[in-house]
Amino acid sequence: MLRATNLCKAFGERRALIDVSVDLTPGESLAIMGPSGSGKSTLLHTLAGISAPDSGSVLLRGRAGEATSDLGQLGDAARSALRLARFGFVFQQSMLIPELSAGENVALPLLLLGHDRAAAFRAADAGLSALGLLGSGARRVGELSGGEAQRVAIARALATEPTLVFADEPTGALDSDTASAVLDALIAGAARPESGLIIVTHDDRVAARCDRTLRLVDGRIASTL
C-alpha cells in the first residue's frame, strides 16, 4: 500500500531523517515512537506528502485502474489533491473549524471533492452516529468536550473513506478513559481491508494497540516490532 525507501530530510544542519524505510500493508496499523526530536512528526509529514524528502521515495499504490504515485515527485497542488482524496488526518488538537458545526466540519472534505451537499451531510450524520455522536451535527465546536471534538475529527478524517489515516498524538490531550474510546474509534474506522493507519505517539498503551511499532532515535530507525 505504502512503501517509503531511504528517506532523508534535513532542516539546515539538523538531519531529521536518515535513510528511513517503511512499508505498510493494507489493513495494517503502525505506531511511530521515539523521544522528542527523534523525527516522528517529520516522518509522518513526509509519508503523508505534507513535505517532500530531500532524497528517497514514498510510493503510494494507486486505486483500481490508477498508477502508483511517488509523493516526492508530485508538485504541491498534486500532493494537496491526493491528501484530500485519499488521506485522513487527526492531530493532538482536533483542528476543527470553530465557525462550523460538527456536521459541517465532517462534510467539508466531501464538499471540497464536489459531492452533492445533501449526500455529504447524510454521510456526515452517519459518520457522527457511528462514533456515538448521533444528533450532534448541529452543535458548534465550543459546545463539544475534548473527547467529542476528537471523535468529530475522526469522523471528518474517515468521511472520504481514505486509503490512509495519519494521526499525530491524537490522544495526548485526553484523559485515559476518553483516550481509550477515541483510539477505539480511530483503529476501527481505519481497519478496512484497503485502508491503513499510521499514528505518532509517546504512549506505550496506544502503540500496543497497533500491529507494529517503529521506534526512531535521532532520525534513524532503532527498531521495528
N, C-alpha and C. Protein backbone atom coordinates (compact mmCIF):
# COMPACT_ATOMS: atom_id res chain seq x y z
N MET A 1 0.82 -1.20 0.00
CA MET A 1 0.00 0.00 0.00
C MET A 1 0.86 1.26 0.00
N LEU A 2 1.79 1.33 0.93
CA LEU A 2 2.71 2.47 1.04
C LEU A 2 4.11 1.93 1.25
N ARG A 3 5.04 2.42 0.47
CA ARG A 3 6.43 1.99 0.63
C ARG A 3 7.34 3.22 0.56
N ALA A 4 8.02 3.47 1.66
CA ALA A 4 8.99 4.57 1.73
C ALA A 4 10.38 3.96 1.80
N THR A 5 11.29 4.48 0.98
CA THR A 5 12.61 3.89 0.87
C THR A 5 13.69 4.96 1.05
N ASN A 6 14.59 4.73 2.01
CA ASN A 6 15.79 5.56 2.22
C ASN A 6 15.46 7.05 2.29
N LEU A 7 14.48 7.39 3.14
CA LEU A 7 14.09 8.79 3.28
C LEU A 7 15.14 9.56 4.07
N CYS A 8 15.52 10.70 3.52
CA CYS A 8 16.41 11.63 4.22
C CYS A 8 15.77 13.01 4.19
N LYS A 9 15.86 13.71 5.30
CA LYS A 9 15.30 15.05 5.40
C LYS A 9 16.13 15.84 6.40
N ALA A 10 16.54 17.04 6.00
CA ALA A 10 17.33 17.89 6.89
C ALA A 10 16.71 19.27 6.96
N PHE A 11 16.88 19.91 8.11
CA PHE A 11 16.49 21.30 8.30
C PHE A 11 17.75 22.06 8.68
N GLY A 12 18.36 22.71 7.69
CA GLY A 12 19.65 23.33 7.94
C GLY A 12 20.69 22.27 8.21
N GLU A 13 21.38 22.38 9.33
CA GLU A 13 22.40 21.41 9.69
C GLU A 13 21.83 20.19 10.41
N ARG A 14 20.57 20.27 10.81
CA ARG A 14 19.97 19.17 11.58
C ARG A 14 19.37 18.13 10.63
N ARG A 15 19.82 16.90 10.78
CA ARG A 15 19.31 15.79 9.96
C ARG A 15 18.14 15.15 10.70
N ALA A 16 16.94 15.37 10.20
CA ALA A 16 15.73 14.89 10.87
C ALA A 16 15.42 13.44 10.53
N LEU A 17 15.70 13.02 9.30
CA LEU A 17 15.51 11.64 8.88
C LEU A 17 16.76 11.16 8.16
N ILE A 18 17.20 9.95 8.49
CA ILE A 18 18.43 9.41 7.90
C ILE A 18 18.16 7.99 7.42
N ASP A 19 18.00 7.83 6.11
CA ASP A 19 17.82 6.51 5.49
C ASP A 19 16.71 5.69 6.15
N VAL A 20 15.55 6.31 6.28
CA VAL A 20 14.40 5.64 6.90
C VAL A 20 13.57 4.95 5.82
N SER A 21 13.30 3.67 6.00
CA SER A 21 12.46 2.90 5.09
C SER A 21 11.30 2.29 5.86
N VAL A 22 10.10 2.40 5.29
CA VAL A 22 8.87 1.94 5.94
C VAL A 22 7.97 1.30 4.90
N ASP A 23 7.36 0.17 5.25
CA ASP A 23 6.31 -0.45 4.42
C ASP A 23 5.04 -0.54 5.25
N LEU A 24 3.90 -0.32 4.60
CA LEU A 24 2.61 -0.52 5.25
C LEU A 24 1.74 -1.33 4.31
N THR A 25 1.17 -2.42 4.82
CA THR A 25 0.31 -3.28 4.00
C THR A 25 -1.15 -2.94 4.27
N PRO A 26 -2.06 -3.28 3.35
CA PRO A 26 -3.48 -2.98 3.55
C PRO A 26 -4.02 -3.57 4.85
N GLY A 27 -4.81 -2.78 5.57
CA GLY A 27 -5.42 -3.22 6.81
C GLY A 27 -4.52 -3.14 8.02
N GLU A 28 -3.31 -2.59 7.86
CA GLU A 28 -2.32 -2.59 8.94
C GLU A 28 -2.30 -1.24 9.65
N SER A 29 -1.99 -1.29 10.95
CA SER A 29 -1.78 -0.07 11.73
C SER A 29 -0.33 -0.06 12.23
N LEU A 30 0.29 1.12 12.14
CA LEU A 30 1.70 1.29 12.51
C LEU A 30 1.83 2.44 13.48
N ALA A 31 2.46 2.19 14.63
CA ALA A 31 2.77 3.24 15.59
C ALA A 31 4.21 3.69 15.38
N ILE A 32 4.43 5.00 15.40
CA ILE A 32 5.77 5.58 15.33
C ILE A 32 6.07 6.21 16.68
N MET A 33 7.15 5.73 17.33
CA MET A 33 7.51 6.20 18.65
C MET A 33 8.95 6.70 18.65
N GLY A 34 9.32 7.36 19.75
CA GLY A 34 10.67 7.86 19.90
C GLY A 34 10.68 9.10 20.77
N PRO A 35 11.84 9.49 21.28
CA PRO A 35 11.91 10.69 22.12
C PRO A 35 11.64 11.95 21.32
N SER A 36 11.38 13.04 22.01
CA SER A 36 11.18 14.32 21.34
C SER A 36 12.39 14.65 20.49
N GLY A 37 12.12 15.13 19.28
CA GLY A 37 13.22 15.47 18.38
C GLY A 37 13.78 14.31 17.60
N SER A 38 13.16 13.14 17.71
CA SER A 38 13.70 11.95 17.03
C SER A 38 13.31 11.89 15.55
N GLY A 39 12.34 12.73 15.13
CA GLY A 39 11.94 12.74 13.73
C GLY A 39 10.57 12.15 13.46
N LYS A 40 9.80 11.89 14.54
CA LYS A 40 8.50 11.22 14.38
C LYS A 40 7.55 12.03 13.50
N SER A 41 7.34 13.29 13.85
CA SER A 41 6.40 14.10 13.08
C SER A 41 6.93 14.39 11.69
N THR A 42 8.24 14.54 11.55
CA THR A 42 8.83 14.74 10.22
C THR A 42 8.56 13.53 9.34
N LEU A 43 8.70 12.33 9.90
CA LEU A 43 8.41 11.12 9.13
C LEU A 43 6.94 11.07 8.75
N LEU A 44 6.05 11.37 9.70
CA LEU A 44 4.62 11.36 9.40
C LEU A 44 4.30 12.33 8.26
N HIS A 45 4.84 13.55 8.34
CA HIS A 45 4.57 14.56 7.32
C HIS A 45 5.13 14.15 5.96
N THR A 46 6.25 13.47 5.97
CA THR A 46 6.85 13.03 4.71
C THR A 46 6.04 11.89 4.10
N LEU A 47 5.62 10.94 4.92
CA LEU A 47 4.80 9.84 4.42
C LEU A 47 3.46 10.34 3.89
N ALA A 48 2.95 11.42 4.47
CA ALA A 48 1.65 11.95 4.07
C ALA A 48 1.75 12.96 2.93
N GLY A 49 2.94 13.23 2.46
CA GLY A 49 3.09 14.17 1.36
C GLY A 49 2.92 15.62 1.77
N ILE A 50 2.95 15.91 3.08
CA ILE A 50 2.89 17.29 3.53
C ILE A 50 4.20 17.99 3.21
N SER A 51 5.29 17.26 3.33
CA SER A 51 6.60 17.78 2.92
C SER A 51 7.30 16.72 2.10
N ALA A 52 8.16 17.16 1.21
CA ALA A 52 8.88 16.23 0.33
C ALA A 52 10.23 15.87 0.96
N PRO A 53 10.69 14.63 0.79
CA PRO A 53 12.01 14.27 1.32
C PRO A 53 13.11 14.92 0.49
N ASP A 54 14.28 15.10 1.11
CA ASP A 54 15.44 15.56 0.36
C ASP A 54 15.93 14.48 -0.59
N SER A 55 15.80 13.24 -0.18
CA SER A 55 16.12 12.11 -1.04
C SER A 55 15.32 10.91 -0.56
N GLY A 56 15.25 9.89 -1.41
CA GLY A 56 14.42 8.74 -1.12
C GLY A 56 13.06 8.89 -1.78
N SER A 57 12.20 7.88 -1.61
CA SER A 57 10.91 7.89 -2.29
C SER A 57 9.81 7.43 -1.36
N VAL A 58 8.59 7.93 -1.62
CA VAL A 58 7.38 7.49 -0.93
C VAL A 58 6.40 7.07 -2.01
N LEU A 59 6.18 5.77 -2.15
CA LEU A 59 5.32 5.24 -3.20
C LEU A 59 3.98 4.83 -2.60
N LEU A 60 2.90 5.35 -3.17
CA LEU A 60 1.55 5.02 -2.76
C LEU A 60 0.89 4.25 -3.88
N ARG A 61 0.44 3.05 -3.57
CA ARG A 61 -0.22 2.23 -4.57
C ARG A 61 -1.53 2.88 -5.01
N GLY A 62 -1.77 2.92 -6.31
CA GLY A 62 -2.99 3.50 -6.82
C GLY A 62 -4.20 2.63 -6.55
N ARG A 63 -5.36 3.26 -6.55
CA ARG A 63 -6.60 2.51 -6.51
C ARG A 63 -6.79 1.80 -7.84
N ALA A 64 -7.82 0.99 -7.95
CA ALA A 64 -8.05 0.21 -9.16
C ALA A 64 -8.00 1.10 -10.40
N GLY A 65 -7.13 0.74 -11.32
CA GLY A 65 -7.01 1.49 -12.55
C GLY A 65 -6.10 2.70 -12.47
N GLU A 66 -5.52 2.96 -11.28
CA GLU A 66 -4.65 4.11 -11.11
C GLU A 66 -3.21 3.65 -10.96
N ALA A 67 -2.29 4.49 -11.42
CA ALA A 67 -0.87 4.18 -11.31
C ALA A 67 -0.37 4.47 -9.89
N THR A 68 0.74 3.84 -9.53
CA THR A 68 1.41 4.14 -8.27
C THR A 68 1.96 5.56 -8.32
N SER A 69 1.83 6.29 -7.21
CA SER A 69 2.32 7.67 -7.14
C SER A 69 3.57 7.74 -6.28
N ASP A 70 4.55 8.50 -6.72
CA ASP A 70 5.72 8.84 -5.91
C ASP A 70 5.47 10.23 -5.35
N LEU A 71 5.13 10.31 -4.07
CA LEU A 71 4.71 11.58 -3.49
C LEU A 71 5.78 12.65 -3.58
N GLY A 72 7.04 12.24 -3.48
CA GLY A 72 8.13 13.21 -3.53
C GLY A 72 8.31 13.85 -4.88
N GLN A 73 7.76 13.22 -5.93
CA GLN A 73 7.91 13.75 -7.28
C GLN A 73 6.70 14.59 -7.71
N LEU A 74 5.67 14.66 -6.88
CA LEU A 74 4.49 15.43 -7.21
C LEU A 74 4.66 16.89 -6.82
N GLY A 75 4.03 17.79 -7.55
CA GLY A 75 4.01 19.19 -7.18
C GLY A 75 3.09 19.43 -6.00
N ASP A 76 3.15 20.66 -5.46
CA ASP A 76 2.35 20.98 -4.28
C ASP A 76 0.86 20.77 -4.53
N ALA A 77 0.37 21.21 -5.69
CA ALA A 77 -1.07 21.09 -5.97
C ALA A 77 -1.49 19.63 -6.08
N ALA A 78 -0.66 18.82 -6.71
CA ALA A 78 -0.98 17.41 -6.86
C ALA A 78 -0.96 16.70 -5.51
N ARG A 79 0.00 17.04 -4.65
CA ARG A 79 0.05 16.43 -3.32
C ARG A 79 -1.16 16.85 -2.50
N SER A 80 -1.57 18.11 -2.61
CA SER A 80 -2.75 18.58 -1.87
C SER A 80 -4.00 17.85 -2.32
N ALA A 81 -4.14 17.66 -3.62
CA ALA A 81 -5.31 16.94 -4.15
C ALA A 81 -5.31 15.49 -3.68
N LEU A 82 -4.13 14.87 -3.65
CA LEU A 82 -4.03 13.49 -3.21
C LEU A 82 -4.38 13.37 -1.73
N ARG A 83 -3.90 14.31 -0.92
CA ARG A 83 -4.21 14.27 0.51
C ARG A 83 -5.71 14.41 0.75
N LEU A 84 -6.36 15.30 0.00
CA LEU A 84 -7.79 15.49 0.17
C LEU A 84 -8.56 14.23 -0.20
N ALA A 85 -8.20 13.60 -1.29
CA ALA A 85 -8.97 12.48 -1.82
C ALA A 85 -8.66 11.15 -1.13
N ARG A 86 -7.42 10.97 -0.65
CA ARG A 86 -7.02 9.63 -0.23
C ARG A 86 -6.51 9.52 1.20
N PHE A 87 -6.27 10.66 1.85
CA PHE A 87 -5.74 10.63 3.21
C PHE A 87 -6.70 11.29 4.19
N GLY A 88 -6.67 10.81 5.44
CA GLY A 88 -7.38 11.46 6.53
C GLY A 88 -6.37 11.82 7.60
N PHE A 89 -6.62 12.92 8.32
CA PHE A 89 -5.68 13.40 9.32
C PHE A 89 -6.38 13.68 10.64
N VAL A 90 -5.72 13.25 11.75
CA VAL A 90 -6.19 13.54 13.09
C VAL A 90 -4.97 14.00 13.89
N PHE A 91 -5.10 15.13 14.60
CA PHE A 91 -3.98 15.70 15.33
C PHE A 91 -4.30 15.73 16.83
N GLN A 92 -3.30 16.14 17.64
CA GLN A 92 -3.49 16.17 19.09
C GLN A 92 -4.64 17.10 19.46
N GLN A 93 -4.66 18.28 18.88
CA GLN A 93 -5.81 19.16 18.98
C GLN A 93 -6.69 18.87 17.77
N SER A 94 -7.99 18.89 17.96
CA SER A 94 -8.89 18.40 16.92
C SER A 94 -8.80 19.17 15.61
N MET A 95 -8.35 20.42 15.66
CA MET A 95 -8.18 21.23 14.45
C MET A 95 -9.48 21.39 13.68
N LEU A 96 -10.60 21.41 14.42
CA LEU A 96 -11.88 21.67 13.78
C LEU A 96 -12.02 23.17 13.51
N ILE A 97 -12.86 23.51 12.55
CA ILE A 97 -13.10 24.92 12.23
C ILE A 97 -14.20 25.43 13.15
N PRO A 98 -13.88 26.35 14.07
CA PRO A 98 -14.85 26.71 15.12
C PRO A 98 -16.10 27.39 14.60
N GLU A 99 -16.00 28.03 13.43
CA GLU A 99 -17.18 28.71 12.88
C GLU A 99 -18.20 27.74 12.30
N LEU A 100 -17.81 26.48 12.13
CA LEU A 100 -18.70 25.48 11.54
C LEU A 100 -19.25 24.55 12.62
N SER A 101 -20.40 23.97 12.34
CA SER A 101 -20.95 22.95 13.24
C SER A 101 -20.17 21.66 13.09
N ALA A 102 -20.44 20.70 13.98
CA ALA A 102 -19.79 19.39 13.89
C ALA A 102 -20.08 18.75 12.54
N GLY A 103 -21.34 18.78 12.12
CA GLY A 103 -21.70 18.19 10.83
C GLY A 103 -21.04 18.86 9.66
N GLU A 104 -20.94 20.18 9.71
CA GLU A 104 -20.28 20.92 8.63
C GLU A 104 -18.80 20.59 8.57
N ASN A 105 -18.17 20.43 9.73
CA ASN A 105 -16.76 20.05 9.74
C ASN A 105 -16.55 18.70 9.07
N VAL A 106 -17.43 17.74 9.37
CA VAL A 106 -17.28 16.40 8.81
C VAL A 106 -17.59 16.39 7.31
N ALA A 107 -18.59 17.16 6.91
CA ALA A 107 -18.98 17.19 5.50
C ALA A 107 -18.00 17.95 4.62
N LEU A 108 -17.18 18.81 5.21
CA LEU A 108 -16.33 19.72 4.43
C LEU A 108 -15.46 19.00 3.39
N PRO A 109 -14.70 17.95 3.74
CA PRO A 109 -13.87 17.32 2.70
C PRO A 109 -14.68 16.74 1.56
N LEU A 110 -15.87 16.25 1.84
CA LEU A 110 -16.73 15.73 0.78
C LEU A 110 -17.20 16.85 -0.14
N LEU A 111 -17.55 17.99 0.45
CA LEU A 111 -17.97 19.14 -0.36
C LEU A 111 -16.82 19.65 -1.22
N LEU A 112 -15.61 19.64 -0.66
CA LEU A 112 -14.44 20.10 -1.43
C LEU A 112 -14.15 19.15 -2.59
N LEU A 113 -14.55 17.89 -2.44
CA LEU A 113 -14.36 16.92 -3.52
C LEU A 113 -15.50 16.96 -4.54
N GLY A 114 -16.47 17.84 -4.31
CA GLY A 114 -17.54 18.00 -5.28
C GLY A 114 -18.77 17.14 -5.06
N HIS A 115 -18.89 16.53 -3.88
CA HIS A 115 -20.06 15.72 -3.60
C HIS A 115 -21.31 16.58 -3.47
N ASP A 116 -22.44 16.01 -3.78
CA ASP A 116 -23.71 16.68 -3.58
C ASP A 116 -23.87 17.06 -2.11
N ARG A 117 -24.38 18.28 -1.85
CA ARG A 117 -24.45 18.78 -0.50
C ARG A 117 -25.30 17.89 0.41
N ALA A 118 -26.47 17.51 -0.08
CA ALA A 118 -27.34 16.68 0.74
C ALA A 118 -26.68 15.33 1.06
N ALA A 119 -26.04 14.74 0.07
CA ALA A 119 -25.36 13.45 0.28
C ALA A 119 -24.20 13.60 1.25
N ALA A 120 -23.47 14.72 1.15
CA ALA A 120 -22.34 14.96 2.06
C ALA A 120 -22.80 15.05 3.50
N PHE A 121 -23.92 15.72 3.72
CA PHE A 121 -24.41 15.86 5.10
C PHE A 121 -25.05 14.57 5.60
N ARG A 122 -25.62 13.77 4.73
CA ARG A 122 -26.09 12.45 5.16
C ARG A 122 -24.91 11.59 5.59
N ALA A 123 -23.83 11.64 4.82
CA ALA A 123 -22.63 10.88 5.19
C ALA A 123 -22.04 11.39 6.49
N ALA A 124 -22.06 12.71 6.69
CA ALA A 124 -21.54 13.28 7.94
C ALA A 124 -22.36 12.81 9.13
N ASP A 125 -23.68 12.82 9.00
CA ASP A 125 -24.53 12.36 10.09
C ASP A 125 -24.28 10.89 10.40
N ALA A 126 -24.09 10.08 9.35
CA ALA A 126 -23.81 8.66 9.55
C ALA A 126 -22.48 8.46 10.25
N GLY A 127 -21.48 9.24 9.85
CA GLY A 127 -20.16 9.14 10.47
C GLY A 127 -20.19 9.53 11.93
N LEU A 128 -20.90 10.60 12.25
CA LEU A 128 -21.02 11.03 13.64
C LEU A 128 -21.78 9.99 14.46
N SER A 129 -22.83 9.44 13.89
CA SER A 129 -23.61 8.42 14.59
C SER A 129 -22.76 7.19 14.89
N ALA A 130 -21.93 6.78 13.94
CA ALA A 130 -21.08 5.60 14.13
C ALA A 130 -20.08 5.80 15.26
N LEU A 131 -19.77 7.07 15.57
CA LEU A 131 -18.81 7.37 16.63
C LEU A 131 -19.50 7.82 17.91
N GLY A 132 -20.79 7.50 18.03
CA GLY A 132 -21.51 7.79 19.26
C GLY A 132 -21.97 9.22 19.40
N LEU A 133 -22.08 9.94 18.30
CA LEU A 133 -22.46 11.36 18.34
C LEU A 133 -23.75 11.60 17.56
N LEU A 134 -24.66 10.66 17.64
CA LEU A 134 -25.95 10.79 16.96
C LEU A 134 -26.64 12.07 17.40
N GLY A 135 -27.10 12.86 16.45
CA GLY A 135 -27.82 14.09 16.75
C GLY A 135 -26.94 15.27 17.10
N SER A 136 -25.60 15.12 16.96
CA SER A 136 -24.68 16.20 17.33
C SER A 136 -24.26 17.07 16.16
N GLY A 137 -24.81 16.82 14.97
CA GLY A 137 -24.34 17.53 13.79
C GLY A 137 -24.48 19.03 13.86
N ALA A 138 -25.49 19.54 14.58
CA ALA A 138 -25.73 20.98 14.63
C ALA A 138 -24.94 21.67 15.73
N ARG A 139 -24.26 20.91 16.58
CA ARG A 139 -23.53 21.53 17.69
C ARG A 139 -22.28 22.22 17.21
N ARG A 140 -21.96 23.36 17.81
CA ARG A 140 -20.75 24.09 17.49
C ARG A 140 -19.56 23.48 18.22
N VAL A 141 -18.37 23.76 17.71
CA VAL A 141 -17.15 23.18 18.28
C VAL A 141 -17.02 23.53 19.76
N GLY A 142 -17.37 24.77 20.11
CA GLY A 142 -17.24 25.21 21.50
C GLY A 142 -18.18 24.49 22.46
N GLU A 143 -19.17 23.79 21.93
CA GLU A 143 -20.11 23.04 22.76
C GLU A 143 -19.70 21.59 22.97
N LEU A 144 -18.58 21.20 22.38
CA LEU A 144 -18.12 19.82 22.46
C LEU A 144 -17.05 19.66 23.53
N SER A 145 -17.04 18.52 24.20
CA SER A 145 -15.92 18.19 25.09
C SER A 145 -14.70 17.83 24.25
N GLY A 146 -13.54 17.71 24.90
CA GLY A 146 -12.33 17.35 24.16
C GLY A 146 -12.46 16.02 23.45
N GLY A 147 -13.05 15.03 24.14
CA GLY A 147 -13.23 13.73 23.53
C GLY A 147 -14.21 13.76 22.39
N GLU A 148 -15.29 14.53 22.54
CA GLU A 148 -16.27 14.65 21.46
C GLU A 148 -15.64 15.33 20.24
N ALA A 149 -14.85 16.37 20.49
CA ALA A 149 -14.20 17.06 19.37
C ALA A 149 -13.26 16.13 18.62
N GLN A 150 -12.54 15.27 19.35
CA GLN A 150 -11.65 14.33 18.68
C GLN A 150 -12.43 13.31 17.87
N ARG A 151 -13.59 12.90 18.36
CA ARG A 151 -14.41 11.96 17.58
C ARG A 151 -14.97 12.63 16.33
N VAL A 152 -15.30 13.92 16.42
CA VAL A 152 -15.71 14.65 15.22
C VAL A 152 -14.55 14.70 14.24
N ALA A 153 -13.33 14.94 14.75
CA ALA A 153 -12.16 14.98 13.87
C ALA A 153 -11.92 13.63 13.20
N ILE A 154 -12.17 12.55 13.93
CA ILE A 154 -12.02 11.21 13.34
C ILE A 154 -13.08 11.00 12.27
N ALA A 155 -14.32 11.41 12.55
CA ALA A 155 -15.38 11.30 11.55
C ALA A 155 -15.02 12.07 10.30
N ARG A 156 -14.44 13.25 10.46
CA ARG A 156 -14.01 14.04 9.31
C ARG A 156 -12.90 13.32 8.56
N ALA A 157 -11.94 12.75 9.29
CA ALA A 157 -10.82 12.06 8.65
C ALA A 157 -11.29 10.85 7.85
N LEU A 158 -12.37 10.20 8.31
CA LEU A 158 -12.86 8.99 7.66
C LEU A 158 -13.93 9.25 6.62
N ALA A 159 -14.38 10.49 6.50
CA ALA A 159 -15.53 10.81 5.65
C ALA A 159 -15.33 10.42 4.20
N THR A 160 -14.12 10.55 3.70
CA THR A 160 -13.85 10.27 2.29
C THR A 160 -13.45 8.81 2.06
N GLU A 161 -13.58 7.97 3.10
CA GLU A 161 -13.12 6.58 3.04
C GLU A 161 -11.67 6.54 2.54
N PRO A 162 -10.76 7.15 3.31
CA PRO A 162 -9.39 7.32 2.84
C PRO A 162 -8.61 6.03 2.78
N THR A 163 -7.59 6.04 1.94
CA THR A 163 -6.66 4.93 1.89
C THR A 163 -5.84 4.85 3.17
N LEU A 164 -5.41 5.98 3.66
CA LEU A 164 -4.57 6.04 4.86
C LEU A 164 -5.07 7.12 5.80
N VAL A 165 -5.04 6.81 7.10
CA VAL A 165 -5.29 7.80 8.13
C VAL A 165 -3.98 8.06 8.87
N PHE A 166 -3.61 9.32 8.99
CA PHE A 166 -2.40 9.73 9.71
C PHE A 166 -2.84 10.45 10.98
N ALA A 167 -2.32 10.02 12.12
CA ALA A 167 -2.70 10.61 13.40
C ALA A 167 -1.44 10.99 14.17
N ASP A 168 -1.38 12.24 14.61
CA ASP A 168 -0.22 12.75 15.34
C ASP A 168 -0.63 13.05 16.77
N GLU A 169 -0.27 12.16 17.70
CA GLU A 169 -0.61 12.28 19.12
C GLU A 169 -2.10 12.57 19.33
N PRO A 170 -3.00 11.78 18.73
CA PRO A 170 -4.42 12.11 18.80
C PRO A 170 -5.04 11.98 20.18
N THR A 171 -4.37 11.26 21.10
CA THR A 171 -4.91 11.08 22.45
C THR A 171 -4.10 11.83 23.50
N GLY A 172 -3.12 12.62 23.07
CA GLY A 172 -2.19 13.22 24.00
C GLY A 172 -2.80 14.20 24.98
N ALA A 173 -3.92 14.85 24.60
CA ALA A 173 -4.53 15.86 25.46
C ALA A 173 -5.76 15.34 26.18
N LEU A 174 -5.98 14.01 26.18
CA LEU A 174 -7.20 13.44 26.72
C LEU A 174 -6.91 12.60 27.97
N ASP A 175 -7.92 12.49 28.85
CA ASP A 175 -7.77 11.59 29.99
C ASP A 175 -7.79 10.15 29.49
N SER A 176 -7.40 9.22 30.35
CA SER A 176 -7.16 7.85 29.90
C SER A 176 -8.42 7.18 29.37
N ASP A 177 -9.57 7.39 30.03
CA ASP A 177 -10.79 6.74 29.56
C ASP A 177 -11.23 7.29 28.20
N THR A 178 -11.17 8.63 28.06
CA THR A 178 -11.55 9.24 26.80
C THR A 178 -10.56 8.85 25.70
N ALA A 179 -9.27 8.81 26.05
CA ALA A 179 -8.25 8.43 25.08
C ALA A 179 -8.49 7.02 24.56
N SER A 180 -8.88 6.11 25.45
CA SER A 180 -9.15 4.74 25.03
C SER A 180 -10.32 4.69 24.06
N ALA A 181 -11.38 5.45 24.34
CA ALA A 181 -12.55 5.47 23.46
C ALA A 181 -12.21 6.06 22.10
N VAL A 182 -11.42 7.13 22.10
CA VAL A 182 -11.01 7.77 20.85
C VAL A 182 -10.15 6.82 20.04
N LEU A 183 -9.23 6.12 20.70
CA LEU A 183 -8.37 5.17 20.00
C LEU A 183 -9.18 4.02 19.42
N ASP A 184 -10.17 3.54 20.18
CA ASP A 184 -11.06 2.50 19.66
C ASP A 184 -11.69 2.95 18.34
N ALA A 185 -12.19 4.18 18.34
CA ALA A 185 -12.86 4.70 17.15
C ALA A 185 -11.89 4.86 15.99
N LEU A 186 -10.70 5.31 16.29
CA LEU A 186 -9.72 5.55 15.24
C LEU A 186 -9.27 4.24 14.60
N ILE A 187 -8.96 3.25 15.41
CA ILE A 187 -8.50 1.97 14.88
C ILE A 187 -9.62 1.27 14.11
N ALA A 188 -10.83 1.28 14.67
CA ALA A 188 -11.96 0.63 13.99
C ALA A 188 -12.25 1.30 12.65
N GLY A 189 -12.18 2.62 12.62
CA GLY A 189 -12.51 3.33 11.40
C GLY A 189 -11.49 3.16 10.30
N ALA A 190 -10.24 2.93 10.68
CA ALA A 190 -9.18 2.80 9.69
C ALA A 190 -8.83 1.35 9.39
N ALA A 191 -9.64 0.42 9.87
CA ALA A 191 -9.29 -1.00 9.76
C ALA A 191 -9.90 -1.69 8.54
N ARG A 192 -10.43 -0.93 7.59
CA ARG A 192 -10.97 -1.56 6.39
C ARG A 192 -9.84 -2.26 5.64
N PRO A 193 -10.16 -3.33 4.88
CA PRO A 193 -9.12 -4.13 4.22
C PRO A 193 -8.20 -3.32 3.30
N GLU A 194 -8.72 -2.26 2.68
CA GLU A 194 -7.90 -1.47 1.76
C GLU A 194 -7.43 -0.17 2.39
N SER A 195 -7.44 -0.10 3.71
CA SER A 195 -7.03 1.11 4.42
C SER A 195 -5.87 0.81 5.36
N GLY A 196 -5.31 1.85 5.96
CA GLY A 196 -4.24 1.68 6.92
C GLY A 196 -4.18 2.87 7.85
N LEU A 197 -3.47 2.72 8.96
CA LEU A 197 -3.35 3.76 9.98
C LEU A 197 -1.89 3.91 10.36
N ILE A 198 -1.41 5.15 10.37
CA ILE A 198 -0.07 5.48 10.87
C ILE A 198 -0.25 6.51 11.96
N ILE A 199 0.24 6.19 13.17
CA ILE A 199 -0.03 7.03 14.33
C ILE A 199 1.27 7.33 15.08
N VAL A 200 1.54 8.60 15.30
CA VAL A 200 2.67 9.03 16.12
C VAL A 200 2.19 9.12 17.57
N THR A 201 2.93 8.52 18.49
CA THR A 201 2.52 8.54 19.88
C THR A 201 3.72 8.43 20.81
N HIS A 202 3.54 8.96 22.03
CA HIS A 202 4.50 8.72 23.11
C HIS A 202 4.00 7.64 24.06
N ASP A 203 2.78 7.17 23.85
CA ASP A 203 2.09 6.32 24.80
C ASP A 203 2.24 4.85 24.42
N ASP A 204 2.87 4.08 25.28
CA ASP A 204 3.05 2.64 25.02
C ASP A 204 1.71 1.91 24.88
N ARG A 205 0.68 2.40 25.60
CA ARG A 205 -0.63 1.75 25.53
C ARG A 205 -1.24 1.93 24.14
N VAL A 206 -1.01 3.09 23.54
CA VAL A 206 -1.50 3.33 22.18
C VAL A 206 -0.75 2.43 21.20
N ALA A 207 0.58 2.40 21.34
CA ALA A 207 1.39 1.58 20.44
C ALA A 207 1.02 0.11 20.53
N ALA A 208 0.68 -0.35 21.73
CA ALA A 208 0.34 -1.76 21.92
C ALA A 208 -0.92 -2.16 21.16
N ARG A 209 -1.75 -1.20 20.83
CA ARG A 209 -2.98 -1.48 20.09
C ARG A 209 -2.73 -1.61 18.58
N CYS A 210 -1.56 -1.18 18.13
CA CYS A 210 -1.24 -1.22 16.70
C CYS A 210 -0.56 -2.54 16.34
N ASP A 211 -0.57 -2.84 15.05
CA ASP A 211 0.02 -4.10 14.59
C ASP A 211 1.53 -4.10 14.71
N ARG A 212 2.15 -2.96 14.45
CA ARG A 212 3.60 -2.86 14.53
C ARG A 212 3.98 -1.52 15.14
N THR A 213 5.20 -1.47 15.71
CA THR A 213 5.74 -0.24 16.27
C THR A 213 7.13 0.01 15.70
N LEU A 214 7.32 1.19 15.16
CA LEU A 214 8.63 1.63 14.65
C LEU A 214 9.16 2.69 15.61
N ARG A 215 10.39 2.48 16.09
CA ARG A 215 11.00 3.44 17.01
C ARG A 215 12.13 4.19 16.32
N LEU A 216 12.08 5.51 16.43
CA LEU A 216 13.10 6.38 15.86
C LEU A 216 13.98 6.94 16.98
N VAL A 217 15.25 7.05 16.70
CA VAL A 217 16.20 7.74 17.58
C VAL A 217 17.12 8.57 16.70
N ASP A 218 17.14 9.87 16.91
CA ASP A 218 18.00 10.77 16.14
C ASP A 218 17.82 10.60 14.64
N GLY A 219 16.58 10.42 14.21
CA GLY A 219 16.28 10.37 12.79
C GLY A 219 16.52 9.02 12.14
N ARG A 220 16.95 8.04 12.89
CA ARG A 220 17.19 6.70 12.35
C ARG A 220 16.22 5.70 12.99
N ILE A 221 15.92 4.64 12.27
CA ILE A 221 15.11 3.57 12.84
C ILE A 221 15.97 2.77 13.83
N ALA A 222 15.48 2.75 15.08
CA ALA A 222 16.19 1.98 16.12
C ALA A 222 15.66 0.56 16.19
N SER A 223 14.37 0.38 15.94
CA SER A 223 13.78 -0.95 15.98
C SER A 223 12.42 -0.93 15.31
N THR A 224 11.99 -2.10 14.84
CA THR A 224 10.65 -2.30 14.31
C THR A 224 10.13 -3.60 14.88
N LEU A 225 9.02 -3.54 15.60
CA LEU A 225 8.47 -4.73 16.27
C LEU A 225 7.06 -4.99 15.79
